[in-house]
N, C-alpha and C. Protein backbone atom coordinates (compact mmCIF):
# COMPACT_ATOMS: atom_id res chain seq x y z
N MET A 1 133.88 0.19 265.00
CA MET A 1 133.94 0.68 266.36
C MET A 1 133.93 2.21 266.34
N ILE A 2 133.21 2.79 267.29
CA ILE A 2 133.10 4.25 267.38
C ILE A 2 133.87 4.73 268.60
N VAL A 3 134.74 5.71 268.39
CA VAL A 3 135.56 6.24 269.49
C VAL A 3 135.37 7.75 269.57
N ASP A 4 134.71 8.19 270.63
CA ASP A 4 134.47 9.62 270.84
C ASP A 4 134.14 9.83 272.31
N ASP A 5 134.59 10.94 272.87
CA ASP A 5 134.35 11.16 274.30
C ASP A 5 132.98 11.73 274.59
N VAL A 6 132.17 11.99 273.55
CA VAL A 6 130.81 12.51 273.74
C VAL A 6 129.82 11.37 273.53
N ALA A 7 129.16 10.95 274.60
CA ALA A 7 128.26 9.80 274.54
C ALA A 7 127.10 10.02 273.57
N SER A 8 126.55 11.23 273.53
CA SER A 8 125.41 11.50 272.65
C SER A 8 125.80 11.38 271.18
N LEU A 9 127.04 11.77 270.86
CA LEU A 9 127.51 11.66 269.47
C LEU A 9 127.73 10.19 269.10
N ARG A 10 128.26 9.41 270.04
CA ARG A 10 128.43 7.98 269.77
C ARG A 10 127.08 7.33 269.47
N LEU A 11 126.07 7.69 270.23
CA LEU A 11 124.73 7.14 270.01
C LEU A 11 124.19 7.55 268.65
N GLN A 12 124.38 8.82 268.30
CA GLN A 12 123.90 9.31 267.01
C GLN A 12 124.58 8.57 265.86
N LEU A 13 125.89 8.40 265.98
CA LEU A 13 126.63 7.69 264.93
C LEU A 13 126.18 6.24 264.83
N LYS A 14 125.96 5.62 265.97
CA LYS A 14 125.51 4.23 265.97
C LYS A 14 124.18 4.08 265.25
N LEU A 15 123.25 4.99 265.52
CA LEU A 15 121.94 4.94 264.86
C LEU A 15 122.07 5.13 263.36
N ILE A 16 122.96 6.04 262.95
CA ILE A 16 123.17 6.29 261.52
C ILE A 16 123.72 5.03 260.83
N LEU A 17 124.73 4.44 261.47
CA LEU A 17 125.41 3.30 260.83
C LEU A 17 124.55 2.05 260.82
N GLU A 18 123.80 1.83 261.87
CA GLU A 18 123.01 0.60 261.93
C GLU A 18 121.76 0.65 261.06
N ARG A 19 121.51 1.81 260.45
CA ARG A 19 120.45 1.87 259.43
C ARG A 19 120.92 1.21 258.13
N GLN A 20 122.24 1.05 258.03
CA GLN A 20 122.81 0.43 256.84
C GLN A 20 122.97 -1.07 257.11
N SER A 21 122.41 -1.89 256.25
CA SER A 21 122.38 -3.33 256.50
C SER A 21 123.77 -3.95 256.55
N GLU A 22 124.75 -3.32 255.87
CA GLU A 22 126.08 -3.94 255.82
C GLU A 22 126.96 -3.58 257.01
N PHE A 23 126.48 -2.69 257.89
CA PHE A 23 127.29 -2.26 259.03
C PHE A 23 126.77 -2.83 260.34
N SER A 24 127.69 -3.10 261.25
CA SER A 24 127.34 -3.49 262.61
C SER A 24 128.34 -2.84 263.54
N VAL A 25 127.85 -2.08 264.51
CA VAL A 25 128.73 -1.43 265.48
C VAL A 25 129.08 -2.45 266.56
N VAL A 26 130.36 -2.83 266.60
CA VAL A 26 130.78 -3.90 267.51
C VAL A 26 131.27 -3.39 268.86
N GLY A 27 131.53 -2.07 268.95
CA GLY A 27 132.02 -1.55 270.22
C GLY A 27 132.12 -0.04 270.22
N GLU A 28 132.22 0.53 271.41
CA GLU A 28 132.36 1.98 271.59
C GLU A 28 133.44 2.25 272.63
N ALA A 29 134.14 3.36 272.46
CA ALA A 29 135.16 3.77 273.43
C ALA A 29 135.09 5.28 273.58
N GLU A 30 135.47 5.77 274.76
CA GLU A 30 135.37 7.21 275.00
C GLU A 30 136.72 7.91 275.02
N ASN A 31 137.81 7.16 274.81
CA ASN A 31 139.13 7.78 274.68
C ASN A 31 140.05 6.82 273.95
N GLY A 32 141.22 7.32 273.54
CA GLY A 32 142.14 6.52 272.75
C GLY A 32 142.67 5.30 273.47
N GLU A 33 142.91 5.42 274.75
CA GLU A 33 143.44 4.28 275.51
C GLU A 33 142.44 3.14 275.54
N GLU A 34 141.17 3.49 275.77
CA GLU A 34 140.13 2.47 275.77
C GLU A 34 139.97 1.86 274.39
N ALA A 35 140.13 2.70 273.36
CA ALA A 35 140.04 2.20 271.98
C ALA A 35 141.13 1.18 271.70
N LEU A 36 142.34 1.44 272.20
CA LEU A 36 143.46 0.52 272.01
C LEU A 36 143.16 -0.83 272.65
N THR A 37 142.62 -0.81 273.86
CA THR A 37 142.29 -2.05 274.56
C THR A 37 141.19 -2.82 273.84
N LEU A 38 140.12 -2.11 273.45
CA LEU A 38 139.00 -2.77 272.78
C LEU A 38 139.39 -3.31 271.41
N SER A 39 140.29 -2.62 270.71
CA SER A 39 140.71 -3.06 269.39
C SER A 39 141.39 -4.42 269.45
N SER A 40 142.16 -4.64 270.52
CA SER A 40 142.83 -5.92 270.68
C SER A 40 141.82 -7.05 270.84
N ARG A 41 140.72 -6.75 271.49
CA ARG A 41 139.70 -7.78 271.74
C ARG A 41 138.73 -7.93 270.57
N LEU A 42 138.30 -6.80 270.01
CA LEU A 42 137.26 -6.83 268.99
C LEU A 42 137.78 -6.91 267.56
N GLN A 43 138.96 -6.33 267.33
CA GLN A 43 139.56 -6.26 265.99
C GLN A 43 138.53 -5.85 264.93
N PRO A 44 137.99 -4.65 265.05
CA PRO A 44 136.98 -4.18 264.09
C PRO A 44 137.58 -3.96 262.70
N ASP A 45 136.73 -3.96 261.70
CA ASP A 45 137.19 -3.68 260.34
C ASP A 45 137.50 -2.19 260.16
N VAL A 46 136.64 -1.35 260.74
CA VAL A 46 136.79 0.11 260.61
C VAL A 46 136.59 0.75 261.98
N ILE A 47 137.38 1.78 262.24
CA ILE A 47 137.22 2.56 263.47
C ILE A 47 136.95 4.01 263.10
N LEU A 48 135.84 4.56 263.60
CA LEU A 48 135.59 6.00 263.51
C LEU A 48 136.22 6.61 264.76
N MET A 49 137.19 7.48 264.57
CA MET A 49 138.02 7.95 265.68
C MET A 49 138.02 9.48 265.77
N ASP A 50 137.61 9.99 266.92
CA ASP A 50 137.72 11.43 267.16
C ASP A 50 139.19 11.79 267.34
N VAL A 51 139.55 13.02 267.01
CA VAL A 51 140.94 13.46 267.17
C VAL A 51 141.22 13.88 268.60
N SER A 52 140.42 14.80 269.13
CA SER A 52 140.67 15.37 270.45
C SER A 52 139.88 14.63 271.53
N MET A 53 140.60 13.89 272.37
CA MET A 53 139.97 13.14 273.46
C MET A 53 140.89 13.14 274.67
N PRO A 54 140.33 12.97 275.86
CA PRO A 54 141.17 12.88 277.06
C PRO A 54 141.92 11.55 277.12
N VAL A 55 142.88 11.47 278.00
CA VAL A 55 143.69 10.27 278.27
C VAL A 55 144.65 9.97 277.13
N MET A 56 144.13 9.70 275.94
CA MET A 56 144.95 9.50 274.74
C MET A 56 144.19 10.02 273.54
N ASP A 57 144.80 10.90 272.75
CA ASP A 57 144.09 11.47 271.61
C ASP A 57 143.96 10.44 270.48
N GLY A 58 143.11 10.77 269.52
CA GLY A 58 142.81 9.83 268.46
C GLY A 58 143.98 9.54 267.54
N ILE A 59 144.83 10.52 267.31
CA ILE A 59 145.96 10.31 266.40
C ILE A 59 146.97 9.32 267.00
N GLU A 60 147.28 9.48 268.28
CA GLU A 60 148.18 8.54 268.94
C GLU A 60 147.54 7.16 269.01
N ALA A 61 146.25 7.12 269.29
CA ALA A 61 145.55 5.83 269.35
C ALA A 61 145.57 5.14 267.99
N ALA A 62 145.33 5.91 266.92
CA ALA A 62 145.36 5.34 265.57
C ALA A 62 146.73 4.75 265.27
N ARG A 63 147.78 5.49 265.61
CA ARG A 63 149.13 5.02 265.35
C ARG A 63 149.41 3.70 266.06
N ARG A 64 149.03 3.62 267.33
CA ARG A 64 149.29 2.40 268.11
C ARG A 64 148.45 1.22 267.63
N ILE A 65 147.20 1.51 267.32
CA ILE A 65 146.32 0.43 266.84
C ILE A 65 146.83 -0.13 265.52
N LEU A 66 147.23 0.75 264.61
CA LEU A 66 147.67 0.30 263.29
C LEU A 66 149.02 -0.38 263.33
N GLU A 67 149.82 -0.09 264.34
CA GLU A 67 151.07 -0.83 264.50
C GLU A 67 150.79 -2.30 264.81
N LYS A 68 149.75 -2.53 265.61
CA LYS A 68 149.38 -3.90 266.00
C LYS A 68 148.48 -4.57 264.97
N PHE A 69 147.57 -3.78 264.40
CA PHE A 69 146.57 -4.35 263.48
C PHE A 69 146.52 -3.51 262.19
N PRO A 70 147.51 -3.68 261.32
CA PRO A 70 147.59 -2.84 260.11
C PRO A 70 146.42 -3.02 259.15
N GLN A 71 145.65 -4.10 259.32
CA GLN A 71 144.51 -4.33 258.43
C GLN A 71 143.30 -3.47 258.79
N VAL A 72 143.29 -2.89 259.99
CA VAL A 72 142.17 -2.05 260.42
C VAL A 72 142.19 -0.74 259.65
N LYS A 73 141.02 -0.27 259.27
CA LYS A 73 140.89 1.02 258.59
C LYS A 73 140.41 2.06 259.60
N VAL A 74 141.12 3.17 259.70
CA VAL A 74 140.76 4.22 260.65
C VAL A 74 140.29 5.46 259.90
N VAL A 75 139.10 5.92 260.25
CA VAL A 75 138.57 7.17 259.71
C VAL A 75 138.51 8.17 260.86
N MET A 76 139.24 9.26 260.73
CA MET A 76 139.20 10.30 261.75
C MET A 76 137.92 11.12 261.54
N LEU A 77 137.11 11.19 262.56
CA LEU A 77 135.85 11.93 262.51
C LEU A 77 135.96 13.05 263.53
N THR A 78 136.07 14.29 263.05
CA THR A 78 136.44 15.37 263.95
C THR A 78 135.91 16.72 263.49
N ALA A 79 135.90 17.66 264.41
CA ALA A 79 135.51 19.03 264.07
C ALA A 79 136.73 19.83 263.62
N SER A 80 137.93 19.26 263.74
CA SER A 80 139.16 19.98 263.43
C SER A 80 139.56 19.81 261.97
N ASP A 81 139.82 20.93 261.30
CA ASP A 81 140.32 20.86 259.93
C ASP A 81 141.70 21.50 259.83
N SER A 82 142.43 21.53 260.95
CA SER A 82 143.75 22.15 260.94
C SER A 82 144.73 21.30 260.14
N ASP A 83 145.66 21.96 259.46
CA ASP A 83 146.65 21.24 258.66
C ASP A 83 147.43 20.25 259.52
N GLN A 84 147.79 20.67 260.72
CA GLN A 84 148.59 19.82 261.60
C GLN A 84 147.85 18.52 261.92
N ASP A 85 146.58 18.62 262.27
CA ASP A 85 145.81 17.43 262.60
C ASP A 85 145.63 16.52 261.39
N VAL A 86 145.36 17.12 260.23
CA VAL A 86 145.14 16.33 259.02
C VAL A 86 146.39 15.53 258.68
N PHE A 87 147.54 16.20 258.61
CA PHE A 87 148.76 15.50 258.23
C PHE A 87 149.20 14.52 259.30
N ALA A 88 148.99 14.86 260.55
CA ALA A 88 149.34 13.93 261.63
C ALA A 88 148.51 12.66 261.54
N ALA A 89 147.22 12.84 261.23
CA ALA A 89 146.32 11.68 261.11
C ALA A 89 146.72 10.79 259.95
N LEU A 90 147.02 11.38 258.80
CA LEU A 90 147.41 10.59 257.63
C LEU A 90 148.75 9.92 257.84
N THR A 91 149.68 10.63 258.47
CA THR A 91 150.98 10.04 258.75
C THR A 91 150.85 8.89 259.73
N ALA A 92 149.90 8.98 260.65
CA ALA A 92 149.67 7.90 261.62
C ALA A 92 149.07 6.67 260.96
N GLY A 93 148.57 6.83 259.73
CA GLY A 93 148.03 5.69 259.00
C GLY A 93 146.54 5.71 258.77
N ALA A 94 145.86 6.80 259.20
CA ALA A 94 144.42 6.88 258.97
C ALA A 94 144.12 6.86 257.47
N CYS A 95 143.04 6.21 257.09
CA CYS A 95 142.65 6.11 255.68
C CYS A 95 141.60 7.15 255.30
N GLY A 96 141.05 7.81 256.30
CA GLY A 96 140.00 8.78 256.02
C GLY A 96 139.99 9.91 257.02
N TYR A 97 139.47 11.07 256.59
CA TYR A 97 139.37 12.23 257.46
C TYR A 97 138.05 12.91 257.14
N CYS A 98 137.09 12.81 258.05
CA CYS A 98 135.73 13.27 257.81
C CYS A 98 135.33 14.28 258.88
N LEU A 99 134.79 15.40 258.47
CA LEU A 99 134.38 16.43 259.43
C LEU A 99 133.03 16.10 260.05
N LYS A 100 132.90 16.40 261.34
CA LYS A 100 131.67 16.08 262.07
C LYS A 100 130.47 16.88 261.57
N ASP A 101 130.73 18.04 260.98
CA ASP A 101 129.61 18.86 260.54
C ASP A 101 129.11 18.45 259.15
N GLY A 102 129.66 17.35 258.61
CA GLY A 102 129.22 16.87 257.31
C GLY A 102 127.91 16.10 257.40
N GLN A 103 127.36 15.77 256.26
CA GLN A 103 126.12 15.02 256.20
C GLN A 103 126.37 13.55 256.59
N PRO A 104 125.40 12.89 257.21
CA PRO A 104 125.56 11.48 257.58
C PRO A 104 125.96 10.60 256.40
N GLU A 105 125.47 10.94 255.20
CA GLU A 105 125.80 10.14 254.03
C GLU A 105 127.29 10.14 253.74
N ARG A 106 127.97 11.23 254.11
CA ARG A 106 129.40 11.30 253.86
C ARG A 106 130.16 10.36 254.79
N ILE A 107 129.67 10.21 256.00
CA ILE A 107 130.30 9.26 256.93
C ILE A 107 130.15 7.84 256.39
N VAL A 108 128.96 7.54 255.92
CA VAL A 108 128.71 6.22 255.34
C VAL A 108 129.61 6.00 254.11
N SER A 109 129.73 7.02 253.28
CA SER A 109 130.58 6.93 252.08
C SER A 109 132.04 6.73 252.47
N ALA A 110 132.46 7.42 253.53
CA ALA A 110 133.84 7.29 253.99
C ALA A 110 134.15 5.86 254.41
N ILE A 111 133.24 5.26 255.16
CA ILE A 111 133.44 3.88 255.62
C ILE A 111 133.47 2.92 254.43
N ARG A 112 132.54 3.08 253.52
CA ARG A 112 132.52 2.21 252.34
C ARG A 112 133.80 2.38 251.53
N GLY A 113 134.24 3.62 251.41
CA GLY A 113 135.45 3.89 250.62
C GLY A 113 136.69 3.25 251.20
N VAL A 114 136.92 3.45 252.49
CA VAL A 114 138.15 2.89 253.09
C VAL A 114 138.09 1.36 253.15
N ARG A 115 136.89 0.80 253.30
CA ARG A 115 136.77 -0.66 253.29
C ARG A 115 137.14 -1.21 251.91
N GLY A 116 136.93 -0.39 250.88
CA GLY A 116 137.29 -0.80 249.53
C GLY A 116 138.72 -0.51 249.17
N GLY A 117 139.49 -0.01 250.13
CA GLY A 117 140.91 0.25 249.90
C GLY A 117 141.24 1.66 249.46
N ASP A 118 140.25 2.55 249.53
CA ASP A 118 140.48 3.92 249.07
C ASP A 118 140.90 4.84 250.23
N LEU A 119 141.55 5.92 249.86
CA LEU A 119 141.79 7.02 250.78
C LEU A 119 140.58 7.94 250.67
N TRP A 120 139.98 8.32 251.81
CA TRP A 120 138.78 9.15 251.77
C TRP A 120 139.03 10.42 252.57
N LEU A 121 138.92 11.56 251.88
CA LEU A 121 139.07 12.85 252.53
C LEU A 121 137.82 13.68 252.29
N ASP A 122 137.34 14.33 253.34
CA ASP A 122 136.26 15.29 253.16
C ASP A 122 136.69 16.29 252.09
N ALA A 123 135.74 16.68 251.25
CA ALA A 123 136.07 17.57 250.13
C ALA A 123 136.78 18.84 250.60
N GLY A 124 136.32 19.40 251.71
CA GLY A 124 136.95 20.60 252.23
C GLY A 124 138.37 20.36 252.68
N ILE A 125 138.62 19.17 253.26
CA ILE A 125 139.96 18.82 253.70
C ILE A 125 140.88 18.63 252.51
N ALA A 126 140.38 17.92 251.48
CA ALA A 126 141.19 17.68 250.28
C ALA A 126 141.58 19.01 249.63
N ALA A 127 140.61 19.92 249.53
CA ALA A 127 140.90 21.22 248.94
C ALA A 127 141.93 21.98 249.77
N LYS A 128 141.84 21.85 251.07
CA LYS A 128 142.76 22.53 251.98
C LYS A 128 144.18 22.01 251.79
N ILE A 129 144.31 20.69 251.67
CA ILE A 129 145.63 20.10 251.48
C ILE A 129 146.24 20.58 250.17
N ILE A 130 145.45 20.53 249.11
CA ILE A 130 145.95 20.95 247.81
C ILE A 130 146.32 22.43 247.82
N ALA A 131 145.51 23.25 248.49
CA ALA A 131 145.76 24.68 248.54
C ALA A 131 147.08 25.00 249.23
N VAL A 132 147.46 24.19 250.21
CA VAL A 132 148.71 24.43 250.92
C VAL A 132 149.89 24.31 249.98
N TYR A 133 149.81 23.36 249.05
CA TYR A 133 150.92 23.10 248.15
C TYR A 133 150.76 23.74 246.79
N GLU A 134 149.51 24.04 246.40
CA GLU A 134 149.25 24.70 245.13
C GLU A 134 148.29 25.85 245.37
N PRO A 135 148.72 26.91 246.04
CA PRO A 135 147.82 28.00 246.41
C PRO A 135 147.16 28.68 245.23
N ALA A 136 147.76 28.59 244.05
CA ALA A 136 147.17 29.26 242.90
C ALA A 136 146.31 28.33 242.07
N ALA A 137 146.24 27.09 242.46
CA ALA A 137 145.50 26.11 241.67
C ALA A 137 144.01 26.38 241.71
N LYS A 138 143.35 26.11 240.61
CA LYS A 138 141.90 26.25 240.50
C LYS A 138 141.29 24.87 240.57
N PRO A 139 140.14 24.71 241.25
CA PRO A 139 139.52 23.39 241.32
C PRO A 139 139.03 22.95 239.95
N VAL A 140 139.40 21.76 239.54
CA VAL A 140 138.99 21.21 238.26
C VAL A 140 138.57 19.77 238.48
N ALA A 141 137.74 19.26 237.57
CA ALA A 141 137.29 17.88 237.70
C ALA A 141 138.46 16.91 237.54
N VAL A 142 139.30 17.19 236.52
CA VAL A 142 140.50 16.39 236.30
C VAL A 142 141.66 17.34 236.18
N PRO A 143 142.76 17.16 236.91
CA PRO A 143 143.87 18.09 236.86
C PRO A 143 144.50 18.13 235.49
N PRO A 144 144.84 19.32 234.97
CA PRO A 144 145.45 19.42 233.65
C PRO A 144 146.88 18.89 233.69
N PRO A 145 147.37 18.35 232.57
CA PRO A 145 148.74 17.86 232.54
C PRO A 145 149.72 18.99 232.82
N SER A 146 150.78 18.69 233.52
CA SER A 146 151.81 19.69 233.79
C SER A 146 152.77 19.71 232.61
N ASN A 147 153.67 20.67 232.58
CA ASN A 147 154.66 20.78 231.51
C ASN A 147 155.82 19.84 231.81
N GLY A 148 155.64 18.58 231.45
CA GLY A 148 156.66 17.59 231.77
C GLY A 148 156.51 17.15 233.20
N HIS A 149 157.38 16.26 233.65
CA HIS A 149 157.32 15.76 235.01
C HIS A 149 157.65 16.87 235.99
N SER A 150 157.02 16.83 237.14
CA SER A 150 157.33 17.79 238.20
C SER A 150 158.79 17.69 238.56
N GLN A 151 159.41 18.84 238.85
CA GLN A 151 160.81 18.84 239.25
C GLN A 151 161.00 18.00 240.50
N LYS A 152 159.98 17.89 241.31
CA LYS A 152 160.08 17.11 242.55
C LYS A 152 160.28 15.63 242.24
N THR A 153 159.87 15.17 241.04
CA THR A 153 160.03 13.77 240.72
C THR A 153 161.48 13.42 240.46
N ASP A 154 162.36 14.43 240.36
CA ASP A 154 163.78 14.15 240.20
C ASP A 154 164.33 13.37 241.39
N ASP A 155 163.65 13.48 242.54
CA ASP A 155 164.09 12.77 243.74
C ASP A 155 163.78 11.28 243.66
N LEU A 156 162.94 10.88 242.69
CA LEU A 156 162.53 9.50 242.59
C LEU A 156 163.45 8.74 241.65
N ALA A 157 163.65 7.45 241.93
CA ALA A 157 164.48 6.62 241.06
C ALA A 157 163.86 6.54 239.67
N GLU A 158 162.53 6.48 239.63
CA GLU A 158 161.81 6.48 238.36
C GLU A 158 160.67 7.49 238.45
N PRO A 159 160.71 8.56 237.63
CA PRO A 159 159.69 9.62 237.74
C PRO A 159 158.29 9.11 237.44
N LEU A 160 157.30 9.77 238.02
CA LEU A 160 155.91 9.45 237.73
C LEU A 160 155.54 10.00 236.35
N SER A 161 154.74 9.24 235.63
CA SER A 161 154.27 9.71 234.33
C SER A 161 153.19 10.76 234.52
N GLU A 162 152.84 11.43 233.43
CA GLU A 162 151.78 12.44 233.49
C GLU A 162 150.47 11.81 233.96
N ARG A 163 150.15 10.63 233.44
CA ARG A 163 148.90 9.97 233.82
C ARG A 163 148.94 9.55 235.28
N GLU A 164 150.08 9.08 235.75
CA GLU A 164 150.21 8.69 237.15
C GLU A 164 150.05 9.91 238.07
N LEU A 165 150.55 11.06 237.65
CA LEU A 165 150.36 12.28 238.43
C LEU A 165 148.89 12.67 238.48
N GLU A 166 148.17 12.49 237.36
CA GLU A 166 146.74 12.77 237.33
C GLU A 166 145.99 11.86 238.30
N VAL A 167 146.32 10.57 238.26
CA VAL A 167 145.69 9.60 239.17
C VAL A 167 145.98 9.96 240.62
N LEU A 168 147.23 10.29 240.90
CA LEU A 168 147.61 10.62 242.26
C LEU A 168 146.90 11.87 242.76
N HIS A 169 146.74 12.86 241.90
CA HIS A 169 146.02 14.08 242.25
C HIS A 169 144.59 13.74 242.66
N LEU A 170 143.95 12.85 241.91
CA LEU A 170 142.56 12.48 242.20
C LEU A 170 142.46 11.64 243.47
N VAL A 171 143.47 10.84 243.74
CA VAL A 171 143.50 10.07 244.99
C VAL A 171 143.50 11.02 246.18
N VAL A 172 144.34 12.04 246.12
CA VAL A 172 144.44 13.00 247.23
C VAL A 172 143.15 13.78 247.41
N THR A 173 142.42 14.02 246.34
CA THR A 173 141.15 14.73 246.47
C THR A 173 140.03 13.84 246.99
N GLY A 174 140.34 12.55 247.23
CA GLY A 174 139.37 11.66 247.85
C GLY A 174 138.61 10.76 246.89
N CYS A 175 139.02 10.72 245.62
CA CYS A 175 138.30 9.90 244.65
C CYS A 175 138.62 8.41 244.83
N SER A 176 137.62 7.59 244.65
CA SER A 176 137.81 6.13 244.65
C SER A 176 138.34 5.71 243.29
N ASN A 177 138.77 4.44 243.17
CA ASN A 177 139.24 3.94 241.88
C ASN A 177 138.16 4.07 240.81
N ARG A 178 136.93 3.76 241.19
CA ARG A 178 135.83 3.86 240.23
C ARG A 178 135.65 5.29 239.75
N GLN A 179 135.69 6.25 240.69
CA GLN A 179 135.52 7.66 240.32
C GLN A 179 136.68 8.14 239.45
N ILE A 180 137.90 7.68 239.76
CA ILE A 180 139.05 8.05 238.95
C ILE A 180 138.88 7.51 237.54
N ALA A 181 138.44 6.26 237.44
CA ALA A 181 138.22 5.65 236.12
C ALA A 181 137.21 6.44 235.30
N GLU A 182 136.14 6.88 235.97
CA GLU A 182 135.11 7.65 235.27
C GLU A 182 135.65 9.00 234.81
N LYS A 183 136.41 9.67 235.66
CA LYS A 183 136.94 11.00 235.32
C LYS A 183 137.97 10.93 234.20
N LEU A 184 138.78 9.88 234.20
CA LEU A 184 139.84 9.76 233.20
C LEU A 184 139.42 8.93 232.00
N VAL A 185 138.19 8.39 232.05
CA VAL A 185 137.63 7.58 230.95
C VAL A 185 138.54 6.39 230.66
N VAL A 186 138.83 5.65 231.71
CA VAL A 186 139.60 4.41 231.59
C VAL A 186 138.92 3.35 232.44
N SER A 187 139.41 2.13 232.39
CA SER A 187 138.82 1.06 233.18
C SER A 187 139.35 1.10 234.61
N ALA A 188 138.61 0.48 235.52
CA ALA A 188 139.05 0.39 236.92
C ALA A 188 140.34 -0.41 237.02
N GLU A 189 140.49 -1.42 236.15
CA GLU A 189 141.73 -2.22 236.16
C GLU A 189 142.93 -1.37 235.77
N THR A 190 142.72 -0.45 234.85
CA THR A 190 143.81 0.45 234.44
C THR A 190 144.22 1.35 235.60
N VAL A 191 143.22 1.83 236.33
CA VAL A 191 143.52 2.66 237.50
C VAL A 191 144.31 1.86 238.54
N LYS A 192 143.91 0.62 238.76
CA LYS A 192 144.62 -0.24 239.71
C LYS A 192 146.08 -0.43 239.29
N THR A 193 146.28 -0.58 237.99
CA THR A 193 147.65 -0.73 237.48
C THR A 193 148.46 0.54 237.73
N HIS A 194 147.85 1.68 237.45
CA HIS A 194 148.54 2.95 237.73
C HIS A 194 148.88 3.08 239.20
N MET A 195 147.93 2.71 240.06
CA MET A 195 148.18 2.80 241.50
C MET A 195 149.33 1.89 241.92
N ARG A 196 149.40 0.72 241.35
CA ARG A 196 150.50 -0.20 241.69
C ARG A 196 151.84 0.42 241.30
N HIS A 197 151.90 1.02 240.10
CA HIS A 197 153.15 1.65 239.66
C HIS A 197 153.50 2.85 240.53
N ILE A 198 152.48 3.63 240.89
CA ILE A 198 152.71 4.80 241.75
C ILE A 198 153.30 4.38 243.09
N MET A 199 152.71 3.36 243.70
CA MET A 199 153.19 2.90 245.01
C MET A 199 154.60 2.34 244.92
N GLU A 200 154.91 1.67 243.80
CA GLU A 200 156.26 1.14 243.61
C GLU A 200 157.27 2.29 243.49
N LYS A 201 156.93 3.30 242.70
CA LYS A 201 157.84 4.42 242.48
C LYS A 201 158.04 5.27 243.73
N LEU A 202 156.99 5.38 244.55
CA LEU A 202 157.08 6.18 245.77
C LEU A 202 157.52 5.35 246.97
N SER A 203 157.72 4.05 246.76
CA SER A 203 158.04 3.13 247.87
C SER A 203 156.98 3.25 248.96
N ALA A 204 155.73 3.29 248.53
CA ALA A 204 154.60 3.43 249.45
C ALA A 204 153.95 2.07 249.69
N THR A 205 153.45 1.87 250.88
CA THR A 205 152.84 0.59 251.24
C THR A 205 151.37 0.50 250.83
N ASP A 206 150.70 1.65 250.70
CA ASP A 206 149.29 1.65 250.31
C ASP A 206 148.92 3.01 249.76
N ARG A 207 147.64 3.19 249.41
CA ARG A 207 147.17 4.44 248.81
C ARG A 207 147.39 5.63 249.75
N THR A 208 147.09 5.42 251.02
CA THR A 208 147.25 6.51 251.98
C THR A 208 148.70 6.95 252.06
N HIS A 209 149.59 5.98 252.16
CA HIS A 209 151.02 6.28 252.24
C HIS A 209 151.47 7.03 250.99
N ALA A 210 150.99 6.59 249.82
CA ALA A 210 151.35 7.24 248.57
C ALA A 210 150.85 8.68 248.53
N ALA A 211 149.61 8.89 248.98
CA ALA A 211 149.04 10.24 248.97
C ALA A 211 149.80 11.17 249.90
N VAL A 212 150.14 10.68 251.09
CA VAL A 212 150.87 11.51 252.05
C VAL A 212 152.25 11.86 251.50
N LYS A 213 152.94 10.87 250.92
CA LYS A 213 154.26 11.12 250.35
C LYS A 213 154.19 12.13 249.20
N ALA A 214 153.14 11.99 248.37
CA ALA A 214 152.99 12.89 247.24
C ALA A 214 152.81 14.33 247.67
N VAL A 215 151.95 14.52 248.70
CA VAL A 215 151.69 15.88 249.19
C VAL A 215 152.94 16.44 249.86
N ARG A 216 153.61 15.62 250.65
CA ARG A 216 154.81 16.09 251.36
C ARG A 216 155.94 16.44 250.39
N LYS A 217 156.05 15.68 249.29
CA LYS A 217 157.09 15.94 248.31
C LYS A 217 156.71 17.05 247.33
N GLY A 218 155.45 17.48 247.40
CA GLY A 218 155.00 18.53 246.48
C GLY A 218 154.84 18.03 245.06
N LEU A 219 154.53 16.75 244.90
CA LEU A 219 154.39 16.18 243.57
C LEU A 219 153.12 16.65 242.87
N ILE A 220 152.12 17.07 243.69
CA ILE A 220 150.84 17.46 243.09
C ILE A 220 150.42 18.83 243.64
């Protein structure tokens, strides 16, 4: 389902998505309140949701929809890259955050990613989040090991291992399990095992929850 108050953009997105054989646009809404009503009737697998809309904004709509239908995947599609909007969207339960000025292929990748259970962040957004907490950090393909566990892990009943911190760092940058496996030269099953341990240690319900908790706690 596509939710945006600009009709021309909804049409453009629909044309992009319906070029992909695995996608079908089941509904459109022009504000968050309408999206909430349609979600109850249509129960879409994925919702592309604008942040700034009249009547009810996308973040509030995402929160309410996910309270009723936690299985729905919400990708925020917006022109806003403000820290406040990003963290509000992730805290509300959104699985993805994609900028409108990105390439159409990135929107398609975002939908495929969240449907596969991944957290998907636009590269610029991921870098912005990391920069807030690690302003001196340099972009690297795989984060270097830290000197022992982060002091922030002292707050956890069981600290994250060095490898789990590496996996978590890559999750926040928007990598899928497959991409993490390739970067760390391990199997996808190994990554899944690490993710399960990470979520248990952080008391997180899913990848998105784990990523938000990690960033908020300054673990990465």
